Each structure stands twice: as C-alpha cells, then as structure tokens.
C-alpha cells in the first residue's frame, strides 16, 4: 500500500471545478481500492464540495477552497477548508431518506449519504477564520 504525504489542492468557488475535483480524487485513490469504494468516496467529495460552493458563499467569491487528501494506514482522510458561511453538518439532524422523499425536501439527500458512507467531522478554525470539514473512509 502506498502511504504518501498529504496532497493539498486549491479550487475556485465555482461549480465548473467539480469535474477536476472528481478526477483528482480518483487519481489520488489510484488502485488502492475497489471501483465501488472509489465511486462512493468520489460521490461524497463531490457532494461536500458542491454544498460548499452552492451554500457557503452568498455572492461570487475570489477565495479558494482547499482540499487536503491523505492516505493513512487504516483510512483515507479528506479535509475541505473554506472561508464561506460557517456550517456544521454534524449538528444537523439527518432525516431518513423516506422522510426526505415524502417531505419533498429540496436537498438533504447528499448530506445524509455522506454521513452514511464517511466519518464526518467539523471544526471552525479561528486564524484565519475558516470552516474545516473532514471526511474519513476506512481502508
């Protein structure tokens, strides 16, 4: 197994970046996991980054979103850092898929799915003030 130093990438606050993000996450995972696990991880990162871009910024923003990727002995760790609106997804109640579907909710499915697939941690950093969302998947 390949244990490499943390890889750090920067993205514009722009949905057009999602294709590049998916490709770089796939490349980072390489052959270290099955296609199904790779697909789940890529899905989670895509959903998390989409939420940051769509909901974290009230107007166009020139700041960058930082993605840190690390292979550990027993897990893959992904941290997303941004200067957007603070939001702690670990504090949000995750309704069931049935509740989301029946309510006609516009959203919530992605966050619920991420929480089912990954360990989710949130931290509000102070200097500089940023959000840090960490997603961890067991190897």
C-alpha atoms as a PDB file:
ATOM      1  CA  UNK A   1       0.000   0.000   0.000  1.00  0.00           C
ATOM      2  CA  UNK A   2       1.148   3.481  -0.852  1.00  0.00           C
ATOM      3  CA  UNK A   3       1.383   5.882   2.104  1.00  0.00           C
ATOM      4  CA  UNK A   4       2.184   9.299   0.767  1.00  0.00           C
ATOM      5  CA  UNK A   5       2.433  12.763   2.236  1.00  0.00           C
ATOM      6  CA  UNK A   6      -0.685  14.890   2.357  1.00  0.00           C
ATOM      7  CA  UNK A   7      -1.707  16.237  -1.042  1.00  0.00           C
ATOM      8  CA  UNK A   8      -3.051  19.810  -0.998  1.00  0.00           C
ATOM      9  CA  UNK A   9      -5.076  21.285  -3.868  1.00  0.00           C
ATOM     10  CA  UNK A  10      -6.880  24.606  -4.344  1.00  0.00           C
ATOM     11  CA  UNK A  11     -10.091  25.296  -6.250  1.00  0.00           C
ATOM     12  CA  UNK A  12     -12.101  28.349  -7.214  1.00  0.00           C
ATOM     13  CA  UNK A  13     -15.563  28.810  -5.729  1.00  0.00           C
ATOM     14  CA  UNK A  14     -17.115  27.612  -8.968  1.00  0.00           C
ATOM     15  CA  UNK A  15     -19.208  24.555  -9.865  1.00  0.00           C
ATOM     16  CA  UNK A  16     -17.110  24.177 -13.026  1.00  0.00           C
ATOM     17  CA  UNK A  17     -14.336  22.889 -10.734  1.00  0.00           C
ATOM     18  CA  UNK A  18     -16.278  19.729  -9.806  1.00  0.00           C
ATOM     19  CA  UNK A  19     -15.101  17.699 -12.792  1.00  0.00           C
ATOM     20  CA  UNK A  20     -11.476  18.480 -11.944  1.00  0.00           C
ATOM     21  CA  UNK A  21     -12.059  17.612  -8.274  1.00  0.00           C
ATOM     22  CA  UNK A  22     -13.584  14.228  -9.169  1.00  0.00           C
ATOM     23  CA  UNK A  23     -10.644  13.424 -11.439  1.00  0.00           C
ATOM     24  CA  UNK A  24      -8.036  14.379  -8.863  1.00  0.00           C
ATOM     25  CA  UNK A  25      -9.746  12.350  -6.115  1.00  0.00           C
ATOM     26  CA  UNK A  26      -9.868   9.307  -8.431  1.00  0.00           C
ATOM     27  CA  UNK A  27      -6.196   9.786  -9.287  1.00  0.00           C
ATOM     28  CA  UNK A  28      -5.296  10.146  -5.601  1.00  0.00           C
ATOM     29  CA  UNK A  29      -7.094   6.892  -4.706  1.00  0.00           C
ATOM     30  CA  UNK A  30      -5.471   5.097  -7.640  1.00  0.00           C
ATOM     31  CA  UNK A  31      -5.635   1.336  -7.414  1.00  0.00           C
ATOM     32  CA  UNK A  32      -5.752   1.294  -3.608  1.00  0.00           C
ATOM     33  CA  UNK A  33      -9.472   0.492  -3.507  1.00  0.00           C
ATOM     34  CA  UNK A  34     -12.210  -1.178  -5.484  1.00  0.00           C
ATOM     35  CA  UNK A  35     -14.183   0.777  -8.064  1.00  0.00           C
ATOM     36  CA  UNK A  36     -17.258   0.730  -5.824  1.00  0.00           C
ATOM     37  CA  UNK A  37     -15.359   2.256  -2.870  1.00  0.00           C
ATOM     38  CA  UNK A  38     -13.712   4.774  -5.182  1.00  0.00           C
ATOM     39  CA  UNK A  39     -17.132   5.731  -6.563  1.00  0.00           C
ATOM     40  CA  UNK A  40     -18.538   6.238  -3.065  1.00  0.00           C
ATOM     41  CA  UNK A  41     -15.628   8.417  -1.983  1.00  0.00           C
ATOM     42  CA  UNK A  42     -15.762  10.500  -5.167  1.00  0.00           C
ATOM     43  CA  UNK A  43     -19.527  10.915  -4.683  1.00  0.00           C
ATOM     44  CA  UNK A  44     -19.035  12.148  -1.108  1.00  0.00           C
ATOM     45  CA  UNK A  45     -16.337  14.656  -2.069  1.00  0.00           C
ATOM     46  CA  UNK A  46     -18.451  15.864  -4.992  1.00  0.00           C
ATOM     47  CA  UNK A  47     -21.461  16.385  -2.699  1.00  0.00           C
ATOM     48  CA  UNK A  48     -19.432  18.127   0.008  1.00  0.00           C
ATOM     49  CA  UNK A  49     -17.679  20.460  -2.438  1.00  0.00           C
ATOM     50  CA  UNK A  50     -20.988  21.219  -4.190  1.00  0.00           C
ATOM     51  CA  UNK A  51     -22.523  22.182  -0.842  1.00  0.00           C
ATOM     52  CA  UNK A  52     -19.598  24.470  -0.017  1.00  0.00           C
ATOM     53  CA  UNK A  53     -19.765  26.183  -3.409  1.00  0.00           C
ATOM     54  CA  UNK A  54     -23.569  26.488  -3.546  1.00  0.00           C
ATOM     55  CA  UNK A  55     -24.361  27.296   0.093  1.00  0.00           C
ATOM     56  CA  UNK A  56     -21.136  28.571   1.622  1.00  0.00           C
ATOM     57  CA  UNK A  57     -20.895  31.796  -0.350  1.00  0.00           C
ATOM     58  CA  UNK A  58     -23.725  34.316  -0.724  1.00  0.00           C
ATOM     59  CA  UNK A  59     -22.085  36.058  -3.683  1.00  0.00           C
ATOM     60  CA  UNK A  60     -19.231  35.340  -6.085  1.00  0.00           C
ATOM     61  CA  UNK A  61     -16.050  34.985  -4.090  1.00  0.00           C
ATOM     62  CA  UNK A  62     -12.409  35.108  -5.123  1.00  0.00           C
ATOM     63  CA  UNK A  63     -11.163  32.996  -2.211  1.00  0.00           C
ATOM     64  CA  UNK A  64     -10.038  29.429  -2.791  1.00  0.00           C
ATOM     65  CA  UNK A  65     -11.336  26.165  -1.390  1.00  0.00           C
ATOM     66  CA  UNK A  66      -8.530  23.976  -0.102  1.00  0.00           C
ATOM     67  CA  UNK A  67      -8.736  20.184  -0.369  1.00  0.00           C
ATOM     68  CA  UNK A  68      -6.275  18.083   1.624  1.00  0.00           C
ATOM     69  CA  UNK A  69      -6.042  14.359   0.874  1.00  0.00           C
ATOM     70  CA  UNK A  70      -4.076  11.894   2.991  1.00  0.00           C
ATOM     71  CA  UNK A  71      -3.622   8.134   2.879  1.00  0.00           C
ATOM     72  CA  UNK A  72      -3.205   6.681   6.354  1.00  0.00           C
ATOM     73  CA  UNK A  73      -2.592   3.079   7.311  1.00  0.00           C
ATOM     74  CA  UNK A  74      -6.259   2.385   8.023  1.00  0.00           C
ATOM     75  CA  UNK A  75      -8.095   5.193   6.256  1.00  0.00           C
ATOM     76  CA  UNK A  76      -8.278   7.889   3.610  1.00  0.00           C
ATOM     77  CA  UNK A  77      -8.733  11.376   5.045  1.00  0.00           C
ATOM     78  CA  UNK A  78     -10.089  14.347   3.096  1.00  0.00           C
ATOM     79  CA  UNK A  79     -10.288  17.854   4.595  1.00  0.00           C
ATOM     80  CA  UNK A  80     -12.098  20.728   2.907  1.00  0.00           C
ATOM     81  CA  UNK A  81     -11.190  24.209   4.144  1.00  0.00           C
ATOM     82  CA  UNK A  82     -13.100  27.312   3.084  1.00  0.00           C
ATOM     83  CA  UNK A  83     -13.856  30.860   4.153  1.00  0.00           C
ATOM     84  CA  UNK A  84     -17.575  30.573   3.489  1.00  0.00           C
ATOM     85  CA  UNK A  85     -20.562  30.801   5.805  1.00  0.00           C
ATOM     86  CA  UNK A  86     -19.985  28.605   8.890  1.00  0.00           C
ATOM     87  CA  UNK A  87     -21.981  25.370   8.755  1.00  0.00           C
ATOM     88  CA  UNK A  88     -21.542  22.326  10.966  1.00  0.00           C
ATOM     89  CA  UNK A  89     -23.167  19.323   9.258  1.00  0.00           C
ATOM     90  CA  UNK A  90     -22.521  17.160  12.332  1.00  0.00           C
ATOM     91  CA  UNK A  91     -25.083  19.255  14.237  1.00  0.00           C
ATOM     92  CA  UNK A  92     -27.752  18.873  11.554  1.00  0.00           C
ATOM     93  CA  UNK A  93     -30.346  16.172  12.145  1.00  0.00           C
ATOM     94  CA  UNK A  94     -30.194  13.669   9.323  1.00  0.00           C
ATOM     95  CA  UNK A  95     -33.715  12.710   8.400  1.00  0.00           C
ATOM     96  CA  UNK A  96     -34.240   9.309   6.842  1.00  0.00           C
ATOM     97  CA  UNK A  97     -34.330   9.020   3.071  1.00  0.00           C
ATOM     98  CA  UNK A  98     -38.052   8.240   3.367  1.00  0.00           C
ATOM     99  CA  UNK A  99     -38.684  11.433   5.377  1.00  0.00           C
ATOM    100  CA  UNK A 100     -36.696  13.491   2.864  1.00  0.00           C
ATOM    101  CA  UNK A 101     -38.539  11.926  -0.067  1.00  0.00           C
ATOM    102  CA  UNK A 102     -42.008  12.273   1.431  1.00  0.00           C
ATOM    103  CA  UNK A 103     -41.440  15.869   2.549  1.00  0.00           C
ATOM    104  CA  UNK A 104     -40.447  16.882  -0.979  1.00  0.00           C
ATOM    105  CA  UNK A 105     -37.307  18.405   0.527  1.00  0.00           C
ATOM    106  CA  UNK A 106     -35.037  20.253  -1.847  1.00  0.00           C
ATOM    107  CA  UNK A 107     -31.823  18.823  -0.512  1.00  0.00           C
ATOM    108  CA  UNK A 108     -30.578  16.802   2.402  1.00  0.00           C
ATOM    109  CA  UNK A 109     -30.003  13.604   0.441  1.00  0.00           C
ATOM    110  CA  UNK A 110     -26.319  14.359  -0.185  1.00  0.00           C
ATOM    111  CA  UNK A 111     -25.525  15.171   3.433  1.00  0.00           C
ATOM    112  CA  UNK A 112     -27.413  12.103   4.643  1.00  0.00           C
ATOM    113  CA  UNK A 113     -25.487   9.937   2.171  1.00  0.00           C
ATOM    114  CA  UNK A 114     -22.123  11.406   3.145  1.00  0.00           C
ATOM    115  CA  UNK A 115     -22.828  10.638   6.818  1.00  0.00           C
ATOM    116  CA  UNK A 116     -23.671   7.025   5.917  1.00  0.00           C
ATOM    117  CA  UNK A 117     -20.501   6.485   3.891  1.00  0.00           C
ATOM    118  CA  UNK A 118     -17.878   8.559   5.708  1.00  0.00           C
ATOM    119  CA  UNK A 119     -16.978   9.660   9.219  1.00  0.00           C
ATOM    120  CA  UNK A 120     -17.760  13.389   9.234  1.00  0.00           C
ATOM    121  CA  UNK A 121     -16.023  15.943  11.458  1.00  0.00           C
ATOM    122  CA  UNK A 122     -16.361  19.718  11.506  1.00  0.00           C
ATOM    123  CA  UNK A 123     -14.169  22.376  13.042  1.00  0.00           C
ATOM    124  CA  UNK A 124     -14.402  26.168  12.918  1.00  0.00           C
ATOM    125  CA  UNK A 125     -10.845  27.472  12.706  1.00  0.00           C
ATOM    126  CA  UNK A 126     -10.042  30.901  14.114  1.00  0.00           C
ATOM    127  CA  UNK A 127      -6.897  32.228  12.491  1.00  0.00           C
ATOM    128  CA  UNK A 128      -7.763  32.794   9.716  1.00  0.00           C
ATOM    129  CA  UNK A 129     -11.489  32.123  10.264  1.00  0.00           C
ATOM    130  CA  UNK A 130     -12.364  29.099   8.134  1.00  0.00           C
ATOM    131  CA  UNK A 131     -14.504  26.001   8.045  1.00  0.00           C
ATOM    132  CA  UNK A 132     -12.765  22.639   8.131  1.00  0.00           C
ATOM    133  CA  UNK A 133     -14.860  19.667   7.078  1.00  0.00           C
ATOM    134  CA  UNK A 134     -13.072  16.330   7.390  1.00  0.00           C
ATOM    135  CA  UNK A 135     -14.352  13.161   5.731  1.00  0.00           C
ATOM    136  CA  UNK A 136     -12.739   9.836   6.619  1.00  0.00           C
ATOM    137  CA  UNK A 137     -13.247   6.461   4.926  1.00  0.00           C
ATOM    138  CA  UNK A 138     -11.836   3.245   6.360  1.00  0.00           C
ATOM    139  CA  UNK A 139      -9.435   1.339   4.109  1.00  0.00           C
END
